[in-house]
Amino acid sequence: MTKTIGLLLLMATSLSTFADTAEINVEDYLSTDMEFIFEIQNHAYSKVILDCQGFINNVNIQYTDGSSQLMVLDIGECEDIHSQIVTGLEKESGACLKLDFDRRAYRVDSTCD
């Protein structure tokens, strides 16, 4: 019985190390034709869009291999990400958008360390 519990704990721990995450260093932050849709530029991704205007607010990452990921946000989260990115870039401290798709969580830091 203890071997089974130990094995289950080991499996749970190993699964958490493979969390589905993305770290996007904001190299440039651009307005689009839409008032509350922004493009986050980073050379490692084909396109990253922060959509605070659509019916469903989201961050949409398009990878260079053609795949994509979408994280749905509520309106407060979307505005928070936008505000933190703009503040970091204005202060010249930088901005790094960190997304955890498994937990549906985000964080904006000054660097992607």
PDB file of N, CA and C in Angstrom:
ATOM      1  N   MET A   1       0.827  -1.199   0.000  1.00  0.00           N
ATOM      2  CA  MET A   1       0.000   0.000   0.000  1.00  0.00           C
ATOM      3  C   MET A   1       0.869   1.260   0.000  1.00  0.00           C
ATOM      4  N   THR A   2       1.908   1.294   0.821  1.00  0.00           N
ATOM      5  CA  THR A   2       2.773   2.475   0.876  1.00  0.00           C
ATOM      6  C   THR A   2       3.519   2.668  -0.439  1.00  0.00           C
ATOM      7  N   LYS A   3       3.837   1.547  -1.126  1.00  0.00           N
ATOM      8  CA  LYS A   3       4.493   1.665  -2.435  1.00  0.00           C
ATOM      9  C   LYS A   3       3.552   2.327  -3.439  1.00  0.00           C
ATOM     10  N   THR A   4       2.285   1.982  -3.382  1.00  0.00           N
ATOM     11  CA  THR A   4       1.298   2.556  -4.289  1.00  0.00           C
ATOM     12  C   THR A   4       1.140   4.056  -4.038  1.00  0.00           C
ATOM     13  N   ILE A   5       1.044   4.450  -2.781  1.00  0.00           N
ATOM     14  CA  ILE A   5       0.917   5.874  -2.434  1.00  0.00           C
ATOM     15  C   ILE A   5       2.168   6.620  -2.863  1.00  0.00           C
ATOM     16  N   GLY A   6       3.325   6.035  -2.607  1.00  0.00           N
ATOM     17  CA  GLY A   6       4.583   6.659  -3.015  1.00  0.00           C
ATOM     18  C   GLY A   6       4.655   6.831  -4.518  1.00  0.00           C
ATOM     19  N   LEU A   7       4.235   5.814  -5.262  1.00  0.00           N
ATOM     20  CA  LEU A   7       4.230   5.889  -6.719  1.00  0.00           C
ATOM     21  C   LEU A   7       3.279   6.973  -7.218  1.00  0.00           C
ATOM     22  N   LEU A   8       2.105   7.067  -6.608  1.00  0.00           N
ATOM     23  CA  LEU A   8       1.147   8.105  -6.992  1.00  0.00           C
ATOM     24  C   LEU A   8       1.697   9.502  -6.713  1.00  0.00           C
ATOM     25  N   LEU A   9       2.347   9.684  -5.577  1.00  0.00           N
ATOM     26  CA  LEU A   9       2.946  10.981  -5.254  1.00  0.00           C
ATOM     27  C   LEU A   9       4.058  11.322  -6.238  1.00  0.00           C
ATOM     28  N   LEU A  10       4.866  10.338  -6.590  1.00  0.00           N
ATOM     29  CA  LEU A  10       5.934  10.567  -7.550  1.00  0.00           C
ATOM     30  C   LEU A  10       5.366  10.958  -8.914  1.00  0.00           C
ATOM     31  N   MET A  11       4.305  10.286  -9.334  1.00  0.00           N
ATOM     32  CA  MET A  11       3.671  10.621 -10.615  1.00  0.00           C
ATOM     33  C   MET A  11       3.082  12.026 -10.584  1.00  0.00           C
ATOM     34  N   ALA A  12       2.430  12.397  -9.503  1.00  0.00           N
ATOM     35  CA  ALA A  12       1.838  13.735  -9.391  1.00  0.00           C
ATOM     36  C   ALA A  12       2.917  14.800  -9.423  1.00  0.00           C
ATOM     37  N   THR A  13       4.033  14.555  -8.753  1.00  0.00           N
ATOM     38  CA  THR A  13       5.137  15.509  -8.736  1.00  0.00           C
ATOM     39  C   THR A  13       5.748  15.639 -10.122  1.00  0.00           C
ATOM     40  N   SER A  14       5.941  14.531 -10.809  1.00  0.00           N
ATOM     41  CA  SER A  14       6.555  14.596 -12.133  1.00  0.00           C
ATOM     42  C   SER A  14       5.633  15.262 -13.144  1.00  0.00           C
ATOM     43  N   LEU A  15       4.334  15.087 -13.012  1.00  0.00           N
ATOM     44  CA  LEU A  15       3.403  15.747 -13.920  1.00  0.00           C
ATOM     45  C   LEU A  15       3.445  17.255 -13.751  1.00  0.00           C
ATOM     46  N   SER A  16       3.610  17.724 -12.540  1.00  0.00           N
ATOM     47  CA  SER A  16       3.616  19.168 -12.315  1.00  0.00           C
ATOM     48  C   SER A  16       4.861  19.825 -12.885  1.00  0.00           C
ATOM     49  N   THR A  17       5.943  19.057 -13.105  1.00  0.00           N
ATOM     50  CA  THR A  17       7.142  19.644 -13.684  1.00  0.00           C
ATOM     51  C   THR A  17       6.986  19.875 -15.177  1.00  0.00           C
ATOM     52  N   PHE A  18       5.963  19.294 -15.788  1.00  0.00           N
ATOM     53  CA  PHE A  18       5.716  19.483 -17.200  1.00  0.00           C
ATOM     54  C   PHE A  18       4.554  20.443 -17.432  1.00  0.00           C
ATOM     55  N   ALA A  19       4.439  21.438 -16.595  1.00  0.00           N
ATOM     56  CA  ALA A  19       3.346  22.406 -16.703  1.00  0.00           C
ATOM     57  C   ALA A  19       3.425  23.111 -18.049  1.00  0.00           C
ATOM     58  N   ASP A  20       2.292  23.421 -18.595  1.00  0.00           N
ATOM     59  CA  ASP A  20       2.192  24.090 -19.875  1.00  0.00           C
ATOM     60  C   ASP A  20       2.292  25.590 -19.641  1.00  0.00           C
ATOM     61  N   THR A  21       3.467  26.149 -19.909  1.00  0.00           N
ATOM     62  CA  THR A  21       3.716  27.558 -19.629  1.00  0.00           C
ATOM     63  C   THR A  21       4.350  28.245 -20.835  1.00  0.00           C
ATOM     64  N   ALA A  22       4.310  29.556 -20.807  1.00  0.00           N
ATOM     65  CA  ALA A  22       4.995  30.370 -21.816  1.00  0.00           C
ATOM     66  C   ALA A  22       5.525  31.616 -21.130  1.00  0.00           C
ATOM     67  N   GLU A  23       6.729  32.016 -21.520  1.00  0.00           N
ATOM     68  CA  GLU A  23       7.310  33.269 -21.055  1.00  0.00           C
ATOM     69  C   GLU A  23       7.602  34.113 -22.285  1.00  0.00           C
ATOM     70  N   ILE A  24       6.990  35.276 -22.326  1.00  0.00           N
ATOM     71  CA  ILE A  24       7.093  36.129 -23.504  1.00  0.00           C
ATOM     72  C   ILE A  24       7.747  37.449 -23.109  1.00  0.00           C
ATOM     73  N   ASN A  25       8.995  37.610 -23.488  1.00  0.00           N
ATOM     74  CA  ASN A  25       9.687  38.869 -23.263  1.00  0.00           C
ATOM     75  C   ASN A  25       9.112  39.889 -24.243  1.00  0.00           C
ATOM     76  N   VAL A  26       8.574  40.982 -23.723  1.00  0.00           N
ATOM     77  CA  VAL A  26       7.930  41.986 -24.574  1.00  0.00           C
ATOM     78  C   VAL A  26       9.018  42.845 -25.214  1.00  0.00           C
ATOM     79  N   GLU A  27       9.329  42.532 -26.472  1.00  0.00           N
ATOM     80  CA  GLU A  27      10.330  43.300 -27.202  1.00  0.00           C
ATOM     81  C   GLU A  27       9.735  44.579 -27.773  1.00  0.00           C
ATOM     82  N   ASP A  28       8.458  44.505 -28.131  1.00  0.00           N
ATOM     83  CA  ASP A  28       7.725  45.677 -28.604  1.00  0.00           C
ATOM     84  C   ASP A  28       6.248  45.432 -28.332  1.00  0.00           C
ATOM     85  N   TYR A  29       5.502  46.496 -28.107  1.00  0.00           N
ATOM     86  CA  TYR A  29       4.077  46.410 -27.777  1.00  0.00           C
ATOM     87  C   TYR A  29       3.349  47.390 -28.678  1.00  0.00           C
ATOM     88  N   LEU A  30       2.565  46.851 -29.608  1.00  0.00           N
ATOM     89  CA  LEU A  30       1.994  47.673 -30.662  1.00  0.00           C
ATOM     90  C   LEU A  30       0.480  47.735 -30.602  1.00  0.00           C
ATOM     91  N   SER A  31      -0.049  48.895 -30.957  1.00  0.00           N
ATOM     92  CA  SER A  31      -1.497  49.036 -31.155  1.00  0.00           C
ATOM     93  C   SER A  31      -1.859  48.366 -32.469  1.00  0.00           C
ATOM     94  N   THR A  32      -3.128  48.003 -32.600  1.00  0.00           N
ATOM     95  CA  THR A  32      -3.636  47.453 -33.856  1.00  0.00           C
ATOM     96  C   THR A  32      -4.749  48.367 -34.359  1.00  0.00           C
ATOM     97  N   ASP A  33      -5.437  47.946 -35.394  1.00  0.00           N
ATOM     98  CA  ASP A  33      -6.563  48.719 -35.926  1.00  0.00           C
ATOM     99  C   ASP A  33      -7.718  48.790 -34.930  1.00  0.00           C
ATOM    100  N   MET A  34      -7.754  47.841 -34.010  1.00  0.00           N
ATOM    101  CA  MET A  34      -8.803  47.804 -32.993  1.00  0.00           C
ATOM    102  C   MET A  34      -8.292  48.500 -31.727  1.00  0.00           C
ATOM    103  N   GLU A  35      -9.173  49.197 -31.038  1.00  0.00           N
ATOM    104  CA  GLU A  35      -8.776  50.051 -29.925  1.00  0.00           C
ATOM    105  C   GLU A  35      -8.162  49.301 -28.738  1.00  0.00           C
ATOM    106  N   PHE A  36      -8.680  48.126 -28.407  1.00  0.00           N
ATOM    107  CA  PHE A  36      -8.191  47.395 -27.239  1.00  0.00           C
ATOM    108  C   PHE A  36      -7.644  46.018 -27.590  1.00  0.00           C
ATOM    109  N   ILE A  37      -7.017  45.929 -28.756  1.00  0.00           N
ATOM    110  CA  ILE A  37      -6.304  44.718 -29.158  1.00  0.00           C
ATOM    111  C   ILE A  37      -4.861  45.128 -29.438  1.00  0.00           C
ATOM    112  N   PHE A  38      -3.918  44.415 -28.816  1.00  0.00           N
ATOM    113  CA  PHE A  38      -2.512  44.786 -28.894  1.00  0.00           C
ATOM    114  C   PHE A  38      -1.678  43.600 -29.353  1.00  0.00           C
ATOM    115  N   GLU A  39      -0.582  43.904 -30.044  1.00  0.00           N
ATOM    116  CA  GLU A  39       0.341  42.864 -30.470  1.00  0.00           C
ATOM    117  C   GLU A  39       1.608  42.956 -29.624  1.00  0.00           C
ATOM    118  N   ILE A  40       1.953  41.846 -29.016  1.00  0.00           N
ATOM    119  CA  ILE A  40       3.198  41.735 -28.261  1.00  0.00           C
ATOM    120  C   ILE A  40       4.214  41.108 -29.200  1.00  0.00           C
ATOM    121  N   GLN A  41       5.280  41.823 -29.488  1.00  0.00           N
ATOM    122  CA  GLN A  41       6.278  41.282 -30.391  1.00  0.00           C
ATOM    123  C   GLN A  41       7.417  40.640 -29.623  1.00  0.00           C
ATOM    124  N   ASN A  42       7.767  39.437 -30.089  1.00  0.00           N
ATOM    125  CA  ASN A  42       8.889  38.683 -29.560  1.00  0.00           C
ATOM    126  C   ASN A  42       9.359  37.774 -30.678  1.00  0.00           C
ATOM    127  N   HIS A  43      10.649  37.761 -30.942  1.00  0.00           N
ATOM    128  CA  HIS A  43      11.196  37.017 -32.085  1.00  0.00           C
ATOM    129  C   HIS A  43      10.983  35.503 -31.983  1.00  0.00           C
ATOM    130  N   ALA A  44      10.717  34.976 -30.798  1.00  0.00           N
ATOM    131  CA  ALA A  44      10.540  33.533 -30.614  1.00  0.00           C
ATOM    132  C   ALA A  44       9.146  33.050 -31.027  1.00  0.00           C
ATOM    133  N   TYR A  45       8.221  33.968 -31.262  1.00  0.00           N
ATOM    134  CA  TYR A  45       6.839  33.622 -31.594  1.00  0.00           C
ATOM    135  C   TYR A  45       6.446  34.289 -32.904  1.00  0.00           C
ATOM    136  N   SER A  46       5.558  33.635 -33.669  1.00  0.00           N
ATOM    137  CA  SER A  46       5.068  34.250 -34.906  1.00  0.00           C
ATOM    138  C   SER A  46       4.238  35.478 -34.592  1.00  0.00           C
ATOM    139  N   LYS A  47       3.332  35.337 -33.616  1.00  0.00           N
ATOM    140  CA  LYS A  47       2.473  36.456 -33.243  1.00  0.00           C
ATOM    141  C   LYS A  47       1.897  36.198 -31.858  1.00  0.00           C
ATOM    142  N   VAL A  48       1.813  37.254 -31.059  1.00  0.00           N
ATOM    143  CA  VAL A  48       1.155  37.187 -29.752  1.00  0.00           C
ATOM    144  C   VAL A  48       0.185  38.357 -29.687  1.00  0.00           C
ATOM    145  N   ILE A  49      -1.088  38.047 -29.476  1.00  0.00           N
ATOM    146  CA  ILE A  49      -2.134  39.072 -29.448  1.00  0.00           C
ATOM    147  C   ILE A  49      -2.782  39.096 -28.063  1.00  0.00           C
ATOM    148  N   LEU A  50      -2.887  40.280 -27.493  1.00  0.00           N
ATOM    149  CA  LEU A  50      -3.656  40.507 -26.267  1.00  0.00           C
ATOM    150  C   LEU A  50      -4.956  41.168 -26.699  1.00  0.00           C
ATOM    151  N   ASP A  51      -6.045  40.423 -26.592  1.00  0.00           N
ATOM    152  CA  ASP A  51      -7.352  40.896 -27.062  1.00  0.00           C
ATOM    153  C   ASP A  51      -8.220  41.249 -25.856  1.00  0.00           C
ATOM    154  N   CYS A  52      -8.332  42.547 -25.588  1.00  0.00           N
ATOM    155  CA  CYS A  52      -9.170  43.044 -24.493  1.00  0.00           C
ATOM    156  C   CYS A  52     -10.471  43.631 -25.030  1.00  0.00           C
ATOM    157  N   GLN A  53     -10.758  43.418 -26.292  1.00  0.00           N
ATOM    158  CA  GLN A  53     -11.926  44.020 -26.909  1.00  0.00           C
ATOM    159  C   GLN A  53     -12.969  42.994 -27.335  1.00  0.00           C
ATOM    160  N   GLY A  54     -12.548  41.816 -27.696  1.00  0.00           N
ATOM    161  CA  GLY A  54     -13.465  40.819 -28.220  1.00  0.00           C
ATOM    162  C   GLY A  54     -14.457  40.331 -27.176  1.00  0.00           C
ATOM    163  N   PHE A  55     -15.415  39.555 -27.634  1.00  0.00           N
ATOM    164  CA  PHE A  55     -16.412  38.968 -26.740  1.00  0.00           C
ATOM    165  C   PHE A  55     -15.738  38.119 -25.666  1.00  0.00           C
ATOM    166  N   ILE A  56     -14.675  37.429 -26.061  1.00  0.00           N
ATOM    167  CA  ILE A  56     -13.882  36.640 -25.117  1.00  0.00           C
ATOM    168  C   ILE A  56     -12.488  37.244 -25.085  1.00  0.00           C
ATOM    169  N   ASN A  57     -12.114  37.876 -23.974  1.00  0.00           N
ATOM    170  CA  ASN A  57     -10.779  38.435 -23.816  1.00  0.00           C
ATOM    171  C   ASN A  57      -9.786  37.290 -23.719  1.00  0.00           C
ATOM    172  N   ASN A  58      -8.603  37.469 -24.343  1.00  0.00           N
ATOM    173  CA  ASN A  58      -7.642  36.382 -24.345  1.00  0.00           C
ATOM    174  C   ASN A  58      -6.250  36.839 -24.726  1.00  0.00           C
ATOM    175  N   VAL A  59      -5.290  35.956 -24.468  1.00  0.00           N
ATOM    176  CA  VAL A  59      -3.951  36.053 -25.021  1.00  0.00           C
ATOM    177  C   VAL A  59      -3.845  34.905 -26.007  1.00  0.00           C
ATOM    178  N   ASN A  60      -3.506  35.224 -27.246  1.00  0.00           N
ATOM    179  CA  ASN A  60      -3.399  34.217 -28.293  1.00  0.00           C
ATOM    180  C   ASN A  60      -1.953  34.179 -28.766  1.00  0.00           C
ATOM    181  N   ILE A  61      -1.310  33.029 -28.579  1.00  0.00           N
ATOM    182  CA  ILE A  61       0.082  32.855 -28.990  1.00  0.00           C
ATOM    183  C   ILE A  61       0.112  31.981 -30.233  1.00  0.00           C
ATOM    184  N   GLN A  62       0.761  32.470 -31.268  1.00  0.00           N
ATOM    185  CA  GLN A  62       0.968  31.679 -32.479  1.00  0.00           C
ATOM    186  C   GLN A  62       2.461  31.373 -32.561  1.00  0.00           C
ATOM    187  N   TYR A  63       2.784  30.092 -32.499  1.00  0.00           N
ATOM    188  CA  TYR A  63       4.175  29.643 -32.511  1.00  0.00           C
ATOM    189  C   TYR A  63       4.707  29.565 -33.932  1.00  0.00           C
ATOM    190  N   THR A  64       6.019  29.543 -34.055  1.00  0.00           N
ATOM    191  CA  THR A  64       6.652  29.503 -35.374  1.00  0.00           C
ATOM    192  C   THR A  64       6.390  28.188 -36.110  1.00  0.00           C
ATOM    193  N   ASP A  65       6.015  27.129 -35.389  1.00  0.00           N
ATOM    194  CA  ASP A  65       5.717  25.853 -36.043  1.00  0.00           C
ATOM    195  C   ASP A  65       4.271  25.778 -36.554  1.00  0.00           C
ATOM    196  N   GLY A  66       3.511  26.864 -36.393  1.00  0.00           N
ATOM    197  CA  GLY A  66       2.133  26.913 -36.874  1.00  0.00           C
ATOM    198  C   GLY A  66       1.089  26.590 -35.817  1.00  0.00           C
ATOM    199  N   SER A  67       1.500  26.066 -34.671  1.00  0.00           N
ATOM    200  CA  SER A  67       0.543  25.777 -33.606  1.00  0.00           C
ATOM    201  C   SER A  67       0.218  27.051 -32.843  1.00  0.00           C
ATOM    202  N   SER A  68      -0.813  26.987 -32.025  1.00  0.00           N
ATOM    203  CA  SER A  68      -1.193  28.164 -31.249  1.00  0.00           C
ATOM    204  C   SER A  68      -1.786  27.743 -29.909  1.00  0.00           C
ATOM    205  N   GLN A  69      -1.789  28.673 -28.974  1.00  0.00           N
ATOM    206  CA  GLN A  69      -2.404  28.480 -27.666  1.00  0.00           C
ATOM    207  C   GLN A  69      -3.197  29.717 -27.326  1.00  0.00           C
ATOM    208  N   LEU A  70      -4.288  29.506 -26.608  1.00  0.00           N
ATOM    209  CA  LEU A  70      -5.176  30.592 -26.222  1.00  0.00           C
ATOM    210  C   LEU A  70      -5.440  30.502 -24.731  1.00  0.00           C
ATOM    211  N   MET A  71      -5.271  31.618 -24.026  1.00  0.00           N
ATOM    212  CA  MET A  71      -5.662  31.685 -22.626  1.00  0.00           C
ATOM    213  C   MET A  71      -6.782  32.701 -22.510  1.00  0.00           C
ATOM    214  N   VAL A  72      -7.940  32.245 -22.073  1.00  0.00           N
ATOM    215  CA  VAL A  72      -9.095  33.117 -21.885  1.00  0.00           C
ATOM    216  C   VAL A  72      -8.898  33.920 -20.605  1.00  0.00           C
ATOM    217  N   LEU A  73      -9.228  35.215 -20.679  1.00  0.00           N
ATOM    218  CA  LEU A  73      -9.074  36.130 -19.546  1.00  0.00           C
ATOM    219  C   LEU A  73     -10.407  36.808 -19.263  1.00  0.00           C
ATOM    220  N   ASP A  74     -10.591  37.219 -18.012  1.00  0.00           N
ATOM    221  CA  ASP A  74     -11.743  38.081 -17.775  1.00  0.00           C
ATOM    222  C   ASP A  74     -11.301  39.517 -18.047  1.00  0.00           C
ATOM    223  N   ILE A  75     -12.242  40.425 -18.095  1.00  0.00           N
ATOM    224  CA  ILE A  75     -11.920  41.795 -18.517  1.00  0.00           C
ATOM    225  C   ILE A  75     -10.908  42.463 -17.570  1.00  0.00           C
ATOM    226  N   GLY A  76     -11.001  42.181 -16.294  1.00  0.00           N
ATOM    227  CA  GLY A  76     -10.054  42.760 -15.338  1.00  0.00           C
ATOM    228  C   GLY A  76      -8.648  42.236 -15.545  1.00  0.00           C
ATOM    229  N   GLU A  77      -8.519  40.957 -15.861  1.00  0.00           N
ATOM    230  CA  GLU A  77      -7.201  40.365 -16.088  1.00  0.00           C
ATOM    231  C   GLU A  77      -6.556  40.947 -17.340  1.00  0.00           C
ATOM    232  N   CYS A  78      -7.338  41.099 -18.377  1.00  0.00           N
ATOM    233  CA  CYS A  78      -6.819  41.634 -19.626  1.00  0.00           C
ATOM    234  C   CYS A  78      -6.307  43.063 -19.432  1.00  0.00           C
ATOM    235  N   GLU A  79      -7.093  43.881 -18.765  1.00  0.00           N
ATOM    236  CA  GLU A  79      -6.684  45.262 -18.502  1.00  0.00           C
ATOM    237  C   GLU A  79      -5.465  45.307 -17.595  1.00  0.00           C
ATOM    238  N   ASP A  80      -5.370  44.379 -16.646  1.00  0.00           N
ATOM    239  CA  ASP A  80      -4.225  44.315 -15.742  1.00  0.00           C
ATOM    240  C   ASP A  80      -2.947  43.987 -16.513  1.00  0.00           C
ATOM    241  N   ILE A  81      -3.010  43.003 -17.396  1.00  0.00           N
ATOM    242  CA  ILE A  81      -1.842  42.651 -18.209  1.00  0.00           C
ATOM    243  C   ILE A  81      -1.409  43.851 -19.040  1.00  0.00           C
ATOM    244  N   HIS A  82      -2.367  44.485 -19.712  1.00  0.00           N
ATOM    245  CA  HIS A  82      -2.059  45.663 -20.543  1.00  0.00           C
ATOM    246  C   HIS A  82      -1.391  46.749 -19.706  1.00  0.00           C
ATOM    247  N   SER A  83      -1.969  47.066 -18.573  1.00  0.00           N
ATOM    248  CA  SER A  83      -1.448  48.120 -17.711  1.00  0.00           C
ATOM    249  C   SER A  83      -0.033  47.815 -17.226  1.00  0.00           C
ATOM    250  N   GLN A  84       0.196  46.571 -16.810  1.00  0.00           N
ATOM    251  CA  GLN A  84       1.527  46.203 -16.307  1.00  0.00           C
ATOM    252  C   GLN A  84       2.583  46.230 -17.411  1.00  0.00           C
ATOM    253  N   ILE A  85       2.221  45.808 -18.602  1.00  0.00           N
ATOM    254  CA  ILE A  85       3.168  45.861 -19.718  1.00  0.00           C
ATOM    255  C   ILE A  85       3.509  47.304 -20.054  1.00  0.00           C
ATOM    256  N   VAL A  86       2.495  48.161 -20.170  1.00  0.00           N
ATOM    257  CA  VAL A  86       2.732  49.568 -20.500  1.00  0.00           C
ATOM    258  C   VAL A  86       3.580  50.237 -19.421  1.00  0.00           C
ATOM    259  N   THR A  87       3.269  49.988 -18.159  1.00  0.00           N
ATOM    260  CA  THR A  87       4.041  50.574 -17.056  1.00  0.00           C
ATOM    261  C   THR A  87       5.498  50.124 -17.103  1.00  0.00           C
ATOM    262  N   GLY A  88       5.726  48.835 -17.303  1.00  0.00           N
ATOM    263  CA  GLY A  88       7.094  48.325 -17.373  1.00  0.00           C
ATOM    264  C   GLY A  88       7.878  48.918 -18.519  1.00  0.00           C
ATOM    265  N   LEU A  89       7.240  49.073 -19.665  1.00  0.00           N
ATOM    266  CA  LEU A  89       7.935  49.640 -20.816  1.00  0.00           C
ATOM    267  C   LEU A  89       8.173  51.141 -20.653  1.00  0.00           C
ATOM    268  N   GLU A  90       7.219  51.848 -20.066  1.00  0.00           N
ATOM    269  CA  GLU A  90       7.395  53.287 -19.832  1.00  0.00           C
ATOM    270  C   GLU A  90       8.517  53.548 -18.833  1.00  0.00           C
ATOM    271  N   LYS A  91       8.640  52.715 -17.828  1.00  0.00           N
ATOM    272  CA  LYS A  91       9.700  52.870 -16.830  1.00  0.00           C
ATOM    273  C   LYS A  91      11.031  52.306 -17.320  1.00  0.00           C
ATOM    274  N   GLU A  92      11.024  51.728 -18.513  1.00  0.00           N
ATOM    275  CA  GLU A  92      12.195  51.115 -19.129  1.00  0.00           C
ATOM    276  C   GLU A  92      12.774  49.986 -18.287  1.00  0.00           C
ATOM    277  N   SER A  93      11.937  49.377 -17.444  1.00  0.00           N
ATOM    278  CA  SER A  93      12.384  48.221 -16.673  1.00  0.00           C
ATOM    279  C   SER A  93      12.096  46.933 -17.430  1.00  0.00           C
ATOM    280  N   GLY A  94      11.311  47.026 -18.507  1.00  0.00           N
ATOM    281  CA  GLY A  94      10.981  45.874 -19.328  1.00  0.00           C
ATOM    282  C   GLY A  94       9.703  45.199 -18.868  1.00  0.00           C
ATOM    283  N   ALA A  95       9.277  44.216 -19.646  1.00  0.00           N
ATOM    284  CA  ALA A  95       8.068  43.473 -19.314  1.00  0.00           C
ATOM    285  C   ALA A  95       8.198  42.051 -19.865  1.00  0.00           C
ATOM    286  N   CYS A  96       7.815  41.100 -19.052  1.00  0.00           N
ATOM    287  CA  CYS A  96       7.790  39.698 -19.439  1.00  0.00           C
ATOM    288  C   CYS A  96       6.446  39.126 -19.017  1.00  0.00           C
ATOM    289  N   LEU A  97       5.680  38.659 -19.981  1.00  0.00           N
ATOM    290  CA  LEU A  97       4.383  38.056 -19.703  1.00  0.00           C
ATOM    291  C   LEU A  97       4.581  36.559 -19.504  1.00  0.00           C
ATOM    292  N   LYS A  98       4.252  36.087 -18.305  1.00  0.00           N
ATOM    293  CA  LYS A  98       4.387  34.675 -17.974  1.00  0.00           C
ATOM    294  C   LYS A  98       2.993  34.076 -17.858  1.00  0.00           C
ATOM    295  N   LEU A  99       2.750  33.029 -18.632  1.00  0.00           N
ATOM    296  CA  LEU A  99       1.441  32.382 -18.664  1.00  0.00           C
ATOM    297  C   LEU A  99       1.561  30.944 -18.203  1.00  0.00           C
ATOM    298  N   ASP A 100       0.641  30.528 -17.361  1.00  0.00           N
ATOM    299  CA  ASP A 100       0.536  29.136 -16.935  1.00  0.00           C
ATOM    300  C   ASP A 100      -0.830  28.643 -17.404  1.00  0.00           C
ATOM    301  N   PHE A 101      -0.833  27.904 -18.500  1.00  0.00           N
ATOM    302  CA  PHE A 101      -2.088  27.465 -19.110  1.00  0.00           C
ATOM    303  C   PHE A 101      -2.804  26.428 -18.254  1.00  0.00           C
ATOM    304  N   ASP A 102      -2.042  25.607 -17.530  1.00  0.00           N
ATOM    305  CA  ASP A 102      -2.658  24.578 -16.689  1.00  0.00           C
ATOM    306  C   ASP A 102      -3.457  25.190 -15.546  1.00  0.00           C
ATOM    307  N   ARG A 103      -2.921  26.232 -14.954  1.00  0.00           N
ATOM    308  CA  ARG A 103      -3.586  26.878 -13.813  1.00  0.00           C
ATOM    309  C   ARG A 103      -4.416  28.086 -14.229  1.00  0.00           C
ATOM    310  N   ARG A 104      -4.362  28.443 -15.506  1.00  0.00           N
ATOM    311  CA  ARG A 104      -5.005  29.637 -16.040  1.00  0.00           C
ATOM    312  C   ARG A 104      -4.604  30.847 -15.212  1.00  0.00           C
ATOM    313  N   ALA A 105      -3.273  31.019 -15.117  1.00  0.00           N
ATOM    314  CA  ALA A 105      -2.711  32.102 -14.322  1.00  0.00           C
ATOM    315  C   ALA A 105      -1.693  32.873 -15.163  1.00  0.00           C
ATOM    316  N   TYR A 106      -1.475  34.116 -14.800  1.00  0.00           N
ATOM    317  CA  TYR A 106      -0.502  34.944 -15.503  1.00  0.00           C
ATOM    318  C   TYR A 106       0.253  35.791 -14.498  1.00  0.00           C
ATOM    319  N   ARG A 107       1.371  36.322 -14.958  1.00  0.00           N
ATOM    320  CA  ARG A 107       2.143  37.275 -14.170  1.00  0.00           C
ATOM    321  C   ARG A 107       2.946  38.122 -15.149  1.00  0.00           C
ATOM    322  N   VAL A 108       3.101  39.383 -14.835  1.00  0.00           N
ATOM    323  CA  VAL A 108       3.944  40.256 -15.633  1.00  0.00           C
ATOM    324  C   VAL A 108       5.097  40.712 -14.744  1.00  0.00           C
ATOM    325  N   ASP A 109       6.307  40.346 -15.144  1.00  0.00           N
ATOM    326  CA  ASP A 109       7.517  40.733 -14.422  1.00  0.00           C
ATOM    327  C   ASP A 109       8.347  41.630 -15.321  1.00  0.00           C
ATOM    328  N   SER A 110       9.408  42.188 -14.756  1.00  0.00           N
ATOM    329  CA  SER A 110      10.273  43.046 -15.559  1.00  0.00           C
ATOM    330  C   SER A 110      11.197  42.229 -16.466  1.00  0.00           C
ATOM    331  N   THR A 111      11.534  41.001 -16.067  1.00  0.00           N
ATOM    332  CA  THR A 111      12.385  40.141 -16.896  1.00  0.00           C
ATOM    333  C   THR A 111      11.828  38.722 -16.925  1.00  0.00           C
ATOM    334  N   CYS A 112      12.339  37.945 -17.840  1.00  0.00           N
ATOM    335  CA  CYS A 112      11.903  36.552 -17.985  1.00  0.00           C
ATOM    336  C   CYS A 112      12.870  35.585 -17.293  1.00  0.00           C
ATOM    337  N   ASP A 113      13.511  36.002 -16.231  1.00  0.00           N
ATOM    338  CA  ASP A 113      14.450  35.115 -15.510  1.00  0.00           C
ATOM    339  C   ASP A 113      13.710  34.037 -14.761  1.00  0.00           C
TER     340      ASP A 113
END
